[in-house]
Amino acid sequence: MSSPRDYYEVLGVARDASDADLKKSFRKLAMQYHPDRNPDNPEAEALFKEVSEAYAVLSDAEKRQMYDRFGHQGLRGAGVDPGFASAEDVFSQFSDMFGDLFGFNGGGRRRGSTGPRLRRGADTEYGLRLEFLEAVHGCSKELTVPRLSTCDACSGSGAEPGTQPSNCATCAGHGQVVQGHGFLRIRTTCPSCGGRGKVITSPCKQCDGMGRTRVTETLTVTVPAGVDNDLQLRLTGRGDEGDPGAPSGDLYVHIHVAEHELFRRNGSDVLVEVPISYPQACLGAEIQVPTVDGETALEVPRGTPSGKVFTLKGKGVPRLGRNGGRGDHHVQVVVAVPRKLGPEEEELIRKLATLQEAHVSDKGFWKEFLGRFST
């Protein structure tokens, strides 16, 4: 299977192209490869879907930034699937965009569109909470999600079993009507049936004529390693079901990552603060430090100042995208100061202060000072 072409190459624009440049190029190419201008031409339809996919990504600021950093694999790793199964899928998902670009109803096909309008299922959303280490390493999660599914009783027709919907009298079952303005003829959605071409006279009792009922499904989603907050996974076709023969919507799973008690994350890097004793900082030591993969040894040199940061290369979070790899793990050592000292410990520290000519409080100073106010 060949690798997909670079989106900027597909649209024939520079990588710093403005939104206006993207739109101009897309308008030209989409009109060139539009199915109505290239009937029975699979190659033109494939190019039409390709330029639509490229524009769908590059015209979205968030997706474009992700693509610029990580490429096609980065989009897939974040659950973004901008591909289209057919030209009709392009029209149904981006009707507003095509209407704006081409200036006619929905941006759909001018010919071959006289039949009833099939409504694509609506997209649905789900918020998924992950623990910090689940997001780092990836995981599988079972989701219980509600969705609209085709009614079993009427098979999606909306009509009571044993009856059939009637053709709409206004559009004669075509779903569209033609309005004349002088020499101009405009085809619009039928106002009586909403484009379905059918009228239900005996609604199905199970779905009240809607053709769909709400059900609850259990799905398994694979979360890639390295996801973070504000990313979403797209499960194609797992949203609400559409009219019979129309595609289902998609399910968008929004990722929410819980904070960790030890680790802080910055992109693909991880920072952890580790306390060490004063003798360890002065004389050096080998200590065990926590990482996202478990504990590992770290050599602390003699004379290490408090706040010193050590970097463990490649021990951070897996990177989403074509380059792969992992970030770094940063360990900041902080000299821990004990809140209480035993008599021997205090005596030794006072000797050290004397050797270093450091001025410290006299032994029992505060007790003597406070005693002056209690007499």
Protein backbone atom coordinates (compact mmCIF):
# COMPACT_ATOMS: atom_id res chain seq x y z
CA MET A 1 0.00 0.00 0.00
CA SER A 2 1.54 3.32 -1.10
CA SER A 3 1.96 6.17 1.36
CA PRO A 4 -0.50 9.06 1.04
CA ARG A 5 0.76 12.14 -0.73
CA ASP A 6 1.74 15.26 1.13
CA TYR A 7 -1.35 17.43 1.60
CA TYR A 8 0.44 20.59 0.47
CA GLU A 9 1.56 18.78 -2.68
CA VAL A 10 -2.01 17.59 -3.29
CA LEU A 11 -3.34 21.17 -3.20
CA GLY A 12 -0.28 22.59 -4.98
CA VAL A 13 0.45 25.21 -2.31
CA ALA A 14 3.42 26.17 -0.16
CA ARG A 15 3.62 25.03 3.46
CA ASP A 16 3.04 28.61 4.64
CA ALA A 17 -0.03 29.06 2.43
CA SER A 18 -2.75 31.27 3.90
CA ASP A 19 -6.35 30.16 4.40
CA ALA A 20 -7.32 32.16 1.33
CA ASP A 21 -4.66 30.40 -0.77
CA LEU A 22 -5.86 27.00 0.45
CA LYS A 23 -9.46 27.81 -0.38
CA LYS A 24 -8.59 29.16 -3.83
CA SER A 25 -6.57 26.08 -4.74
CA PHE A 26 -9.21 23.72 -3.38
CA ARG A 27 -11.97 25.50 -5.34
CA LYS A 28 -10.02 25.08 -8.57
CA LEU A 29 -9.10 21.42 -8.03
CA ALA A 30 -12.47 20.33 -6.64
CA MET A 31 -14.24 21.84 -9.65
CA GLN A 32 -11.71 20.16 -11.95
CA TYR A 33 -12.27 16.70 -10.46
CA HIS A 34 -15.94 17.09 -9.48
CA PRO A 35 -17.87 13.87 -10.31
CA ASP A 36 -20.42 15.78 -12.41
CA ARG A 37 -17.62 16.94 -14.71
CA ASN A 38 -16.05 13.49 -14.82
CA PRO A 39 -18.85 10.91 -15.02
CA ASP A 40 -17.80 7.26 -14.71
CA ASN A 41 -14.19 8.28 -14.05
CA PRO A 42 -12.86 6.49 -10.93
CA GLU A 43 -9.49 8.27 -11.14
CA ALA A 44 -11.13 11.71 -11.08
CA GLU A 45 -13.33 10.67 -8.14
CA ALA A 46 -10.25 9.46 -6.25
CA LEU A 47 -8.53 12.81 -6.85
CA PHE A 48 -11.69 14.63 -5.80
CA LYS A 49 -11.66 12.75 -2.48
CA GLU A 50 -7.92 13.35 -2.09
CA VAL A 51 -8.10 17.14 -2.50
CA SER A 52 -11.14 17.23 -0.20
CA GLU A 53 -9.22 15.29 2.45
CA ALA A 54 -6.21 17.61 2.12
CA TYR A 55 -8.38 20.71 2.45
CA ALA A 56 -10.34 19.25 5.39
CA VAL A 57 -7.06 18.92 7.33
CA LEU A 58 -5.20 22.07 6.28
CA SER A 59 -8.23 24.36 6.69
CA ASP A 60 -8.53 23.26 10.34
CA ALA A 61 -5.91 25.10 12.42
CA GLU A 62 -5.56 22.34 15.04
CA LYS A 63 -5.34 19.51 12.51
CA ARG A 64 -2.93 21.49 10.34
CA GLN A 65 -0.60 22.10 13.28
CA MET A 66 -0.66 18.39 14.15
CA TYR A 67 -0.02 17.43 10.50
CA ASP A 68 2.87 19.90 10.19
CA ARG A 69 4.53 18.40 13.27
CA PHE A 70 3.77 14.70 12.87
CA GLY A 71 2.46 14.08 9.35
CA HIS A 72 -0.16 11.48 8.39
CA GLN A 73 0.84 9.08 11.16
CA GLY A 74 0.42 11.79 13.76
CA LEU A 75 -3.17 12.37 12.63
CA ARG A 76 -3.94 8.67 12.77
CA GLY A 77 -2.24 8.29 16.15
CA ALA A 78 -4.46 11.06 17.51
CA GLY A 79 -7.57 9.35 16.17
CA VAL A 80 -8.08 11.80 13.27
CA ASP A 81 -9.24 10.05 10.08
CA PRO A 82 -10.00 12.69 7.43
CA GLY A 83 -10.46 10.16 4.60
CA PHE A 84 -13.70 9.80 2.63
CA ALA A 85 -15.28 6.56 1.46
CA SER A 86 -17.00 8.16 -1.54
CA ALA A 87 -17.76 11.47 -3.20
CA GLU A 88 -21.21 11.39 -1.61
CA ASP A 89 -19.50 11.08 1.78
CA VAL A 90 -17.65 14.30 0.98
CA PHE A 91 -20.91 16.07 0.14
CA SER A 92 -22.72 14.81 3.24
CA GLN A 93 -19.98 15.69 5.71
CA PHE A 94 -19.00 19.06 4.25
CA SER A 95 -22.20 20.36 2.74
CA ASP A 96 -21.72 23.83 4.26
CA MET A 97 -18.18 24.05 2.96
CA PHE A 98 -19.16 22.97 -0.55
CA GLY A 99 -22.17 25.22 -0.61
CA ASP A 100 -19.91 28.16 0.19
CA LEU A 101 -17.35 27.17 -2.42
CA PHE A 102 -19.58 26.20 -5.32
CA GLY A 103 -22.60 28.38 -4.70
CA PHE A 104 -25.36 25.79 -5.07
CA ASN A 105 -27.43 23.71 -2.73
CA GLY A 106 -25.17 21.71 -0.40
CA GLY A 107 -22.30 21.55 -2.86
CA GLY A 108 -23.72 18.26 -4.05
CA ARG A 109 -23.96 16.90 -7.55
CA ARG A 110 -25.96 18.89 -10.11
CA ARG A 111 -26.95 15.73 -11.97
CA GLY A 112 -28.03 12.40 -10.65
CA SER A 113 -29.32 13.99 -7.44
CA THR A 114 -33.03 13.99 -8.16
CA GLY A 115 -33.75 11.10 -5.77
CA PRO A 116 -34.78 11.38 -2.13
CA ARG A 117 -32.19 12.84 0.19
CA LEU A 118 -30.70 10.25 2.54
CA ARG A 119 -29.71 11.71 5.86
CA ARG A 120 -26.35 10.70 7.28
CA GLY A 121 -26.33 9.78 10.96
CA ALA A 122 -25.26 12.42 13.45
CA ASP A 123 -21.81 12.38 15.05
CA THR A 124 -21.71 11.62 18.77
CA GLU A 125 -19.21 12.42 21.52
CA TYR A 126 -17.83 10.63 24.56
CA GLY A 127 -15.49 11.90 27.29
CA LEU A 128 -12.87 9.34 28.32
CA ARG A 129 -10.85 9.85 31.51
CA LEU A 130 -7.42 8.23 31.61
CA GLU A 131 -4.91 7.84 34.39
CA PHE A 132 -1.56 9.49 33.72
CA LEU A 133 0.31 6.23 33.03
CA GLU A 134 -2.53 4.90 30.85
CA ALA A 135 -2.08 7.91 28.59
CA VAL A 136 1.70 7.43 28.55
CA HIS A 137 1.73 3.74 27.67
CA GLY A 138 -1.58 3.41 25.82
CA CYS A 139 -4.39 1.05 26.75
CA SER A 140 -7.66 -0.53 25.69
CA LYS A 141 -10.89 0.76 27.15
CA GLU A 142 -14.46 -0.47 27.03
CA LEU A 143 -16.97 2.30 26.40
CA THR A 144 -20.69 2.11 27.00
CA VAL A 145 -22.22 4.66 24.65
CA PRO A 146 -25.78 5.53 23.62
CA ARG A 147 -26.61 5.87 19.93
CA LEU A 148 -29.57 5.89 17.57
CA SER A 149 -29.95 2.55 15.80
CA THR A 150 -32.26 1.38 13.02
CA CYS A 151 -35.63 0.33 14.44
CA ASP A 152 -35.99 -3.46 14.36
CA ALA A 153 -39.76 -3.32 14.00
CA CYS A 154 -39.94 -1.16 10.85
CA SER A 155 -36.39 -1.70 9.52
CA GLY A 156 -35.88 2.04 9.52
CA SER A 157 -38.85 3.01 7.35
CA GLY A 158 -40.72 4.64 10.22
CA ALA A 159 -43.96 2.99 9.08
CA GLU A 160 -45.95 0.54 11.18
CA PRO A 161 -45.13 -3.05 10.16
CA GLY A 162 -47.54 -4.20 7.45
CA THR A 163 -47.83 -0.68 6.01
CA GLN A 164 -45.65 1.31 3.65
CA PRO A 165 -44.78 5.01 3.46
CA SER A 166 -46.55 6.86 0.67
CA ASN A 167 -44.87 8.92 -2.01
CA CYS A 168 -44.90 12.61 -1.18
CA ALA A 169 -47.62 14.33 -3.23
CA THR A 170 -45.59 17.53 -3.52
CA CYS A 171 -42.44 16.04 -5.07
CA ALA A 172 -43.85 12.73 -6.34
CA GLY A 173 -41.29 10.83 -4.31
CA HIS A 174 -38.24 12.63 -5.71
CA GLY A 175 -37.42 14.53 -2.51
CA GLN A 176 -36.82 17.72 -4.49
CA VAL A 177 -38.90 20.29 -6.30
CA VAL A 178 -37.99 22.64 -9.15
CA GLN A 179 -38.82 26.30 -8.84
CA GLY A 180 -38.77 28.59 -11.85
CA HIS A 181 -37.61 32.20 -11.98
CA GLY A 182 -37.82 33.31 -15.59
CA PHE A 183 -35.36 31.18 -17.53
CA LEU A 184 -33.68 30.02 -14.30
CA ARG A 185 -34.66 26.70 -12.80
CA ILE A 186 -33.60 25.94 -9.21
CA ARG A 187 -33.87 22.49 -7.63
CA THR A 188 -34.51 22.63 -3.86
CA THR A 189 -35.37 20.21 -1.07
CA CYS A 190 -39.05 19.40 -0.92
CA PRO A 191 -40.65 21.46 1.86
CA SER A 192 -43.36 18.84 2.53
CA CYS A 193 -41.25 15.73 3.15
CA GLY A 194 -37.90 17.36 3.98
CA GLY A 195 -36.20 15.58 1.08
CA ARG A 196 -37.16 12.02 2.05
CA GLY A 197 -39.64 11.59 -0.80
CA LYS A 198 -41.99 9.65 1.47
CA VAL A 199 -44.81 10.50 3.86
CA ILE A 200 -45.64 8.22 6.78
CA THR A 201 -49.35 7.87 7.38
CA SER A 202 -49.17 5.04 9.95
CA PRO A 203 -46.12 5.67 12.19
CA CYS A 204 -44.33 2.71 13.75
CA LYS A 205 -45.37 2.38 17.38
CA GLN A 206 -41.92 1.27 18.54
CA CYS A 207 -40.02 4.29 17.19
CA ASP A 208 -42.90 6.79 16.78
CA GLY A 209 -42.19 7.02 13.08
CA MET A 210 -38.57 8.09 13.53
CA GLY A 211 -37.15 4.91 12.01
CA ARG A 212 -34.53 4.72 14.76
CA THR A 213 -34.47 3.90 18.47
CA ARG A 214 -31.94 4.73 21.15
CA VAL A 215 -29.76 1.81 22.22
CA THR A 216 -26.67 1.37 24.37
CA GLU A 217 -23.60 -0.32 22.92
CA THR A 218 -20.34 -1.48 24.46
CA LEU A 219 -17.29 -0.73 22.33
CA THR A 220 -13.58 -1.37 22.79
CA VAL A 221 -11.29 1.51 21.86
CA THR A 222 -7.52 1.25 21.56
CA VAL A 223 -5.82 4.33 23.00
CA PRO A 224 -2.37 4.90 21.43
CA ALA A 225 0.62 5.54 23.67
CA GLY A 226 1.42 9.21 24.20
CA VAL A 227 -2.06 10.76 24.01
CA ASP A 228 -2.69 13.90 26.02
CA ASN A 229 -5.50 16.24 26.97
CA ASP A 230 -7.53 17.83 24.14
CA LEU A 231 -6.83 14.99 21.70
CA GLN A 232 -9.72 13.00 20.30
CA LEU A 233 -10.11 9.55 18.81
CA ARG A 234 -12.48 9.09 15.89
CA LEU A 235 -14.40 5.82 15.57
CA THR A 236 -15.76 5.86 12.05
CA GLY A 237 -19.38 4.81 11.70
CA ARG A 238 -19.95 4.36 15.44
CA GLY A 239 -22.19 7.41 15.84
CA ASP A 240 -25.93 7.53 15.18
CA GLU A 241 -27.19 5.44 12.28
CA GLY A 242 -28.58 7.37 9.31
CA ASP A 243 -31.46 6.67 6.96
CA PRO A 244 -31.41 3.20 5.40
CA GLY A 245 -28.66 3.29 2.80
CA ALA A 246 -27.01 6.40 4.28
CA PRO A 247 -23.74 6.29 6.25
CA SER A 248 -23.69 6.36 10.03
CA GLY A 249 -22.13 9.23 11.92
CA ASP A 250 -18.83 8.98 13.76
CA LEU A 251 -18.07 8.73 17.46
CA TYR A 252 -15.52 11.22 18.77
CA VAL A 253 -13.81 10.18 22.00
CA HIS A 254 -12.37 13.19 23.85
CA ILE A 255 -9.35 12.41 26.03
CA HIS A 256 -9.02 13.76 29.58
CA VAL A 257 -5.83 12.79 31.46
CA ALA A 258 -5.67 12.89 35.26
CA GLU A 259 -2.72 14.52 37.02
CA HIS A 260 -0.07 12.33 38.64
CA GLU A 261 1.11 12.68 42.23
CA LEU A 262 4.80 12.63 41.19
CA PHE A 263 5.13 13.34 37.47
CA ARG A 264 4.49 16.52 35.55
CA ARG A 265 4.27 16.42 31.76
CA ASN A 266 5.40 18.95 29.17
CA GLY A 267 4.62 17.58 25.73
CA SER A 268 6.60 14.35 25.48
CA ASP A 269 8.91 15.24 28.39
CA VAL A 270 8.35 14.31 32.04
CA LEU A 271 9.63 16.14 35.13
CA VAL A 272 9.90 14.63 38.59
CA GLU A 273 11.26 16.18 41.81
CA VAL A 274 13.34 13.88 44.01
CA PRO A 275 14.60 14.77 47.53
CA ILE A 276 18.18 13.97 48.53
CA SER A 277 19.99 14.48 51.84
CA TYR A 278 22.68 17.09 52.49
CA PRO A 279 25.40 14.42 52.81
CA GLN A 280 24.34 12.89 49.47
CA ALA A 281 24.52 16.30 47.79
CA CYS A 282 27.97 16.96 49.30
CA LEU A 283 29.58 13.55 48.87
CA GLY A 284 27.66 12.12 45.92
CA ALA A 285 25.51 8.99 45.82
CA GLU A 286 23.69 6.53 43.63
CA ILE A 287 19.96 6.92 44.17
CA GLN A 288 16.81 5.27 42.78
CA VAL A 289 14.50 7.67 40.94
CA PRO A 290 10.95 7.01 39.63
CA THR A 291 10.23 7.08 35.89
CA VAL A 292 7.12 6.26 33.87
CA ASP A 293 8.66 2.80 33.33
CA GLY A 294 9.56 2.16 36.98
CA GLU A 295 12.57 3.00 39.13
CA THR A 296 16.04 3.45 37.67
CA ALA A 297 19.46 4.30 39.11
CA LEU A 298 20.82 7.85 38.95
CA GLU A 299 24.37 8.87 39.86
CA VAL A 300 24.48 12.13 41.85
CA PRO A 301 27.97 13.67 41.67
CA ARG A 302 29.78 15.23 44.61
CA GLY A 303 28.86 18.85 45.23
CA THR A 304 25.45 18.72 43.53
CA PRO A 305 23.48 21.91 44.27
CA SER A 306 19.84 21.79 45.28
CA GLY A 307 17.61 22.22 42.22
CA LYS A 308 20.03 20.55 39.81
CA VAL A 309 18.20 18.85 36.89
CA PHE A 310 19.45 15.58 35.41
CA THR A 311 18.10 14.42 32.05
CA LEU A 312 17.46 10.78 31.19
CA LYS A 313 17.28 10.68 27.38
CA GLY A 314 14.44 8.72 25.82
CA LYS A 315 12.79 7.90 29.14
CA GLY A 316 9.78 10.19 28.68
CA VAL A 317 6.47 9.85 26.84
CA PRO A 318 6.18 8.15 23.41
CA ARG A 319 5.75 10.72 20.65
CA LEU A 320 2.74 10.56 18.37
CA GLY A 321 3.67 10.88 14.73
CA ARG A 322 5.80 9.58 11.96
CA ASN A 323 9.13 10.22 13.72
CA GLY A 324 8.19 8.17 16.77
CA GLY A 325 10.68 7.98 19.60
CA ARG A 326 10.19 9.21 23.13
CA GLY A 327 10.72 12.39 25.05
CA ASP A 328 13.12 12.83 27.95
CA HIS A 329 12.74 12.31 31.69
CA HIS A 330 14.01 15.22 33.79
CA VAL A 331 14.93 14.60 37.43
CA GLN A 332 15.28 17.66 39.68
CA VAL A 333 17.07 16.86 42.93
CA VAL A 334 16.19 19.01 45.93
CA VAL A 335 18.14 18.91 49.18
CA ALA A 336 15.70 17.89 51.89
CA VAL A 337 15.91 19.77 55.21
CA PRO A 338 14.70 17.75 58.24
CA ARG A 339 12.03 19.44 60.35
CA LYS A 340 13.28 17.80 63.56
CA LEU A 341 16.78 16.83 64.66
CA GLY A 342 17.91 14.40 67.31
CA PRO A 343 20.47 15.59 69.88
CA GLU A 344 23.39 13.83 68.12
CA GLU A 345 22.36 15.16 64.71
CA GLU A 346 22.13 18.70 66.02
CA GLU A 347 25.51 18.43 67.70
CA LEU A 348 27.16 17.26 64.48
CA ILE A 349 25.55 20.03 62.43
CA ARG A 350 26.72 22.62 64.94
CA LYS A 351 30.26 21.28 64.62
CA LEU A 352 29.96 21.58 60.84
CA ALA A 353 28.69 25.15 61.18
CA THR A 354 31.71 25.96 63.33
CA LEU A 355 34.11 24.48 60.75
CA GLN A 356 32.43 26.47 57.98
CA GLU A 357 32.24 29.61 60.12
CA ALA A 358 28.49 29.73 59.53
CA HIS A 359 26.42 31.74 61.97
CA VAL A 360 23.50 29.74 63.38
CA SER A 361 21.04 30.25 66.23
CA ASP A 362 22.30 29.39 69.68
CA LYS A 363 21.12 26.16 71.20
CA GLY A 364 17.85 26.75 73.04
CA PHE A 365 17.64 30.38 71.85
CA TRP A 366 13.93 30.34 71.04
CA LYS A 367 13.01 28.56 74.25
CA GLU A 368 14.89 31.19 76.26
CA PHE A 369 13.40 34.03 74.19
CA LEU A 370 9.80 32.86 74.56
CA GLY A 371 10.30 32.23 78.28
CA ARG A 372 10.81 35.97 78.83
CA PHE A 373 7.14 36.57 77.96
CA SER A 374 5.73 33.85 80.18
CA THR A 375 7.17 35.16 83.48
